[in-house]
Amino acid sequence: MDPSELGRRLFRAYYRRLRPEEVAVSEVPRREFAFTYFGGGGMQRHLAFASLRDLLGHVARSVPRHAYYSSAYYRDPSARDMEDKGWLGADLVFDIDVDHVETPCKEMHDRWRCRSCGASGWGAVEACPRCGSENVEREVWVCETCISVARDEALKLVDFLESDFGLSPDEMFVTFSGHRGFHVHVESEAVRELGQDGRREIADYVRGLGLDLKFMLVKARG
């Protein structure tokens, strides 16, 4: 059997038994949805659904290979022009990607090769250690240790957002990204209407950008 057709059959069986309480998508009528399908054909965008049941009915009939929904809320999510959608706000979403986290297992399963000088080796490198070139070809693998590390980082972020920003656990949820890590979603009225600058400030704070360590250190008293 063609692998694409096998995948479609398996996905169809999954979608048909999917229940509404298993889908963590809130305020469906205010979000834009997009899908790609088995067999190619590009992405179908600007779709909107009146309810979660309508959404589940659509995926059961059309059997998409990938499904996406916007973190933003719109007055008219089906409008094809972004200016006509009517932006109402957006969730705050953090992407925890294991590619950006140091893990000891990378030395065992990731490889690199420099396109400039031909050097190669194991592990994760930003530039060739022989010639310094950043023109490096990488072969990466995600193992169980990688996923465990990414999961721990996601849980740390949830604790951080709760302690430093006063967010409730009920306003956050974590999802597997599908490959290399996790997404931490914040669905709170406190962040929904934040603009680009405000969201950048939160991201910089979480990452510790611009942090002056002298304000974090306390002199030991003799």
Protein backbone atom coordinates (compact mmCIF):
# COMPACT_ATOMS: atom_id res chain seq x y z
CA MET A 1 0.00 0.00 0.00
CA ASP A 2 1.16 3.51 -0.77
CA PRO A 3 2.56 5.10 2.46
CA SER A 4 0.48 8.24 1.89
CA GLU A 5 -2.73 6.22 1.62
CA LEU A 6 -1.83 4.20 4.72
CA GLY A 7 -1.25 7.42 6.64
CA ARG A 8 -4.57 8.80 5.45
CA ARG A 9 -6.43 5.69 6.63
CA LEU A 10 -4.81 5.81 10.06
CA PHE A 11 -5.52 9.53 10.44
CA ARG A 12 -9.14 9.03 9.35
CA ALA A 13 -9.63 6.38 12.04
CA TYR A 14 -8.10 8.71 14.63
CA TYR A 15 -10.19 11.72 13.64
CA ARG A 16 -13.42 9.72 13.65
CA ARG A 17 -12.96 8.60 17.26
CA LEU A 18 -11.73 12.00 18.48
CA ARG A 19 -13.98 13.51 21.16
CA PRO A 20 -14.44 17.26 21.83
CA GLU A 21 -13.03 17.01 25.36
CA GLU A 22 -9.76 15.70 23.88
CA VAL A 23 -9.16 18.86 21.83
CA ALA A 24 -7.51 21.78 23.64
CA VAL A 25 -8.66 24.61 21.36
CA SER A 26 -10.63 27.38 23.03
CA GLU A 27 -12.86 30.02 21.40
CA VAL A 28 -12.98 28.18 18.08
CA PRO A 29 -15.21 30.76 16.28
CA ARG A 30 -12.58 33.49 16.79
CA ARG A 31 -9.59 31.58 15.40
CA GLU A 32 -8.28 30.99 11.89
CA PHE A 33 -7.55 27.38 10.91
CA ALA A 34 -5.30 25.97 8.21
CA PHE A 35 -4.67 22.46 6.91
CA THR A 36 -2.37 20.50 4.63
CA TYR A 37 -3.49 17.20 3.15
CA PHE A 38 -2.10 13.86 2.08
CA GLY A 39 -1.00 13.95 -1.53
CA GLY A 40 0.19 17.56 -1.44
CA GLY A 41 -1.65 20.51 -2.89
CA GLY A 42 -0.34 23.18 -0.54
CA MET A 43 -1.87 24.70 2.57
CA GLN A 44 -5.55 25.60 2.81
CA ARG A 45 -5.90 28.73 4.95
CA HIS A 46 -8.49 31.25 6.15
CA LEU A 47 -10.93 28.64 7.43
CA ALA A 48 -13.30 29.32 10.32
CA PHE A 49 -15.75 27.14 12.23
CA ALA A 50 -18.79 28.04 14.29
CA SER A 51 -18.06 25.43 16.95
CA LEU A 52 -15.64 22.73 18.02
CA ARG A 53 -18.03 20.07 16.72
CA ASP A 54 -18.00 21.72 13.28
CA LEU A 55 -14.20 21.66 13.35
CA LEU A 56 -14.11 17.98 14.28
CA GLY A 57 -16.63 17.19 11.57
CA HIS A 58 -14.42 18.90 9.00
CA VAL A 59 -11.25 17.00 9.95
CA ALA A 60 -13.15 13.69 10.01
CA ARG A 61 -14.36 14.31 6.45
CA SER A 62 -11.27 15.90 4.89
CA VAL A 63 -8.58 13.97 6.86
CA PRO A 64 -5.80 16.60 6.96
CA ARG A 65 -2.18 15.60 7.40
CA HIS A 66 -1.40 18.71 9.44
CA ALA A 67 -3.78 21.05 11.27
CA TYR A 68 -2.98 24.54 12.51
CA TYR A 69 -4.89 27.24 14.37
CA SER A 70 -4.01 30.84 15.06
CA SER A 71 -2.88 32.05 18.45
CA ALA A 72 -4.71 35.28 17.53
CA TYR A 73 -8.42 36.00 17.84
CA TYR A 74 -10.31 37.75 15.03
CA ARG A 75 -13.73 39.25 14.38
CA ASP A 76 -13.77 37.51 10.99
CA PRO A 77 -11.10 34.77 10.90
CA SER A 78 -12.24 33.58 7.45
CA ALA A 79 -11.38 36.90 5.75
CA ARG A 80 -8.57 36.41 3.23
CA ASP A 81 -7.00 39.83 3.79
CA MET A 82 -5.32 40.15 7.20
CA GLU A 83 -6.53 43.74 7.54
CA ASP A 84 -10.13 42.54 7.14
CA LYS A 85 -9.89 39.87 9.82
CA GLY A 86 -10.13 42.37 12.68
CA TRP A 87 -7.47 41.48 15.25
CA LEU A 88 -8.92 41.17 18.78
CA GLY A 89 -5.88 39.88 20.65
CA ALA A 90 -3.66 36.83 20.88
CA ASP A 91 -2.45 34.16 23.25
CA LEU A 92 1.15 34.19 24.42
CA VAL A 93 2.98 31.11 23.13
CA PHE A 94 6.50 29.95 23.99
CA ASP A 95 8.34 27.43 21.82
CA ILE A 96 10.69 25.12 23.74
CA ASP A 97 12.89 23.58 21.03
CA VAL A 98 15.50 21.03 22.08
CA ASP A 99 17.78 22.34 19.31
CA HIS A 100 18.35 25.40 21.50
CA VAL A 101 18.95 23.45 24.71
CA GLU A 102 22.31 21.92 25.61
CA THR A 103 22.00 18.16 26.08
CA PRO A 104 24.87 15.67 26.55
CA CYS A 105 23.26 13.21 24.14
CA LYS A 106 23.96 15.50 21.17
CA GLU A 107 27.57 14.28 21.27
CA MET A 108 26.28 10.77 20.57
CA HIS A 109 23.70 11.31 17.83
CA ASP A 110 24.22 14.70 16.12
CA ARG A 111 26.77 15.07 13.31
CA TRP A 112 28.15 18.07 11.45
CA ARG A 113 30.22 18.68 8.32
CA CYS A 114 31.86 21.92 7.26
CA ARG A 115 31.09 22.83 3.65
CA SER A 116 34.13 25.13 3.56
CA CYS A 117 36.99 22.87 4.66
CA GLY A 118 35.41 19.41 4.77
CA ALA A 119 35.96 18.81 8.48
CA SER A 120 33.32 16.75 10.28
CA GLY A 121 32.51 15.47 13.72
CA TRP A 122 29.92 14.65 16.36
CA GLY A 123 27.91 17.04 18.51
CA ALA A 124 26.27 20.43 18.04
CA VAL A 125 28.47 23.28 16.78
CA GLU A 126 27.65 26.81 15.64
CA ALA A 127 30.82 27.11 13.55
CA CYS A 128 33.51 24.77 12.27
CA PRO A 129 36.15 24.30 15.01
CA ARG A 130 38.85 23.89 12.33
CA CYS A 131 38.33 26.90 10.05
CA GLY A 132 35.70 28.95 11.88
CA SER A 133 33.22 28.88 9.00
CA GLU A 134 29.52 28.99 9.86
CA ASN A 135 28.68 27.19 6.61
CA VAL A 136 28.04 23.93 8.46
CA GLU A 137 25.75 21.10 7.39
CA ARG A 138 24.04 19.39 10.34
CA GLU A 139 22.38 16.03 10.86
CA VAL A 140 20.34 16.11 14.05
CA TRP A 141 18.36 13.47 15.87
CA VAL A 142 15.82 13.80 18.67
CA CYS A 143 16.07 11.04 21.26
CA GLU A 144 14.18 10.25 24.45
CA THR A 145 16.70 12.21 26.51
CA CYS A 146 16.21 15.26 24.28
CA ILE A 147 12.44 15.15 24.78
CA SER A 148 12.82 14.68 28.54
CA VAL A 149 15.09 17.74 28.75
CA ALA A 150 12.67 19.82 26.67
CA ARG A 151 9.78 18.69 28.88
CA ASP A 152 11.67 19.74 32.02
CA GLU A 153 12.41 23.15 30.48
CA ALA A 154 8.72 23.60 29.63
CA LEU A 155 7.71 22.79 33.21
CA LYS A 156 10.33 25.22 34.53
CA LEU A 157 8.84 27.92 32.31
CA VAL A 158 5.34 27.24 33.64
CA ASP A 159 6.62 27.58 37.22
CA PHE A 160 8.46 30.78 36.27
CA LEU A 161 5.40 32.37 34.66
CA GLU A 162 3.35 31.46 37.72
CA SER A 163 5.83 32.84 40.27
CA ASP A 164 7.09 35.96 38.45
CA PHE A 165 3.99 37.00 36.49
CA GLY A 166 1.25 35.71 38.77
CA LEU A 167 -0.35 33.60 36.06
CA SER A 168 -2.62 30.79 37.15
CA PRO A 169 -1.96 27.17 36.08
CA ASP A 170 -5.53 27.24 34.73
CA GLU A 171 -4.42 29.91 32.23
CA MET A 172 -1.57 27.80 30.83
CA PHE A 173 -1.26 24.48 29.07
CA VAL A 174 1.60 22.59 27.44
CA THR A 175 1.44 20.71 24.13
CA PHE A 176 3.96 18.59 22.26
CA SER A 177 5.18 20.54 19.24
CA GLY A 178 5.13 17.44 17.05
CA HIS A 179 8.86 16.87 16.75
CA ARG A 180 11.54 18.63 18.80
CA GLY A 181 9.90 20.03 21.90
CA PHE A 182 6.88 21.66 23.48
CA HIS A 183 4.70 24.75 23.23
CA VAL A 184 3.61 26.58 26.37
CA HIS A 185 0.33 28.42 25.73
CA VAL A 186 -0.85 31.29 27.92
CA GLU A 187 -4.55 32.05 27.51
CA SER A 188 -5.11 34.98 29.84
CA GLU A 189 -6.94 38.29 29.53
CA ALA A 190 -3.82 39.86 31.08
CA VAL A 191 -1.74 39.13 27.97
CA ARG A 192 -4.34 38.90 25.20
CA GLU A 193 -4.19 42.54 24.09
CA LEU A 194 -0.44 43.01 24.53
CA GLY A 195 1.28 44.47 21.49
CA GLN A 196 4.51 43.31 19.89
CA ASP A 197 6.71 45.38 22.20
CA GLY A 198 5.04 44.04 25.34
CA ARG A 199 5.40 40.45 24.17
CA ARG A 200 9.06 41.04 23.35
CA GLU A 201 9.64 42.45 26.84
CA ILE A 202 8.18 39.30 28.41
CA ALA A 203 10.28 37.05 26.16
CA ASP A 204 13.44 39.01 27.00
CA TYR A 205 12.66 38.82 30.71
CA VAL A 206 12.14 35.06 30.55
CA ARG A 207 15.41 34.61 28.64
CA GLY A 208 17.30 36.95 30.95
CA LEU A 209 18.34 39.31 28.15
CA GLY A 210 19.80 42.56 29.44
CA LEU A 211 20.05 41.18 32.96
CA ASP A 212 22.70 42.89 35.10
CA LEU A 213 24.05 40.23 37.44
CA LYS A 214 25.27 42.77 39.99
CA PHE A 215 21.64 43.29 40.99
CA MET A 216 21.27 39.54 41.52
CA LEU A 217 24.27 39.06 43.80
CA VAL A 218 24.30 39.64 47.53
CA LYS A 219 27.58 40.18 49.34
CA ALA A 220 28.32 37.69 52.05
CA ARG A 221 28.77 39.35 55.41
CA GLY A 222 31.84 38.39 57.38
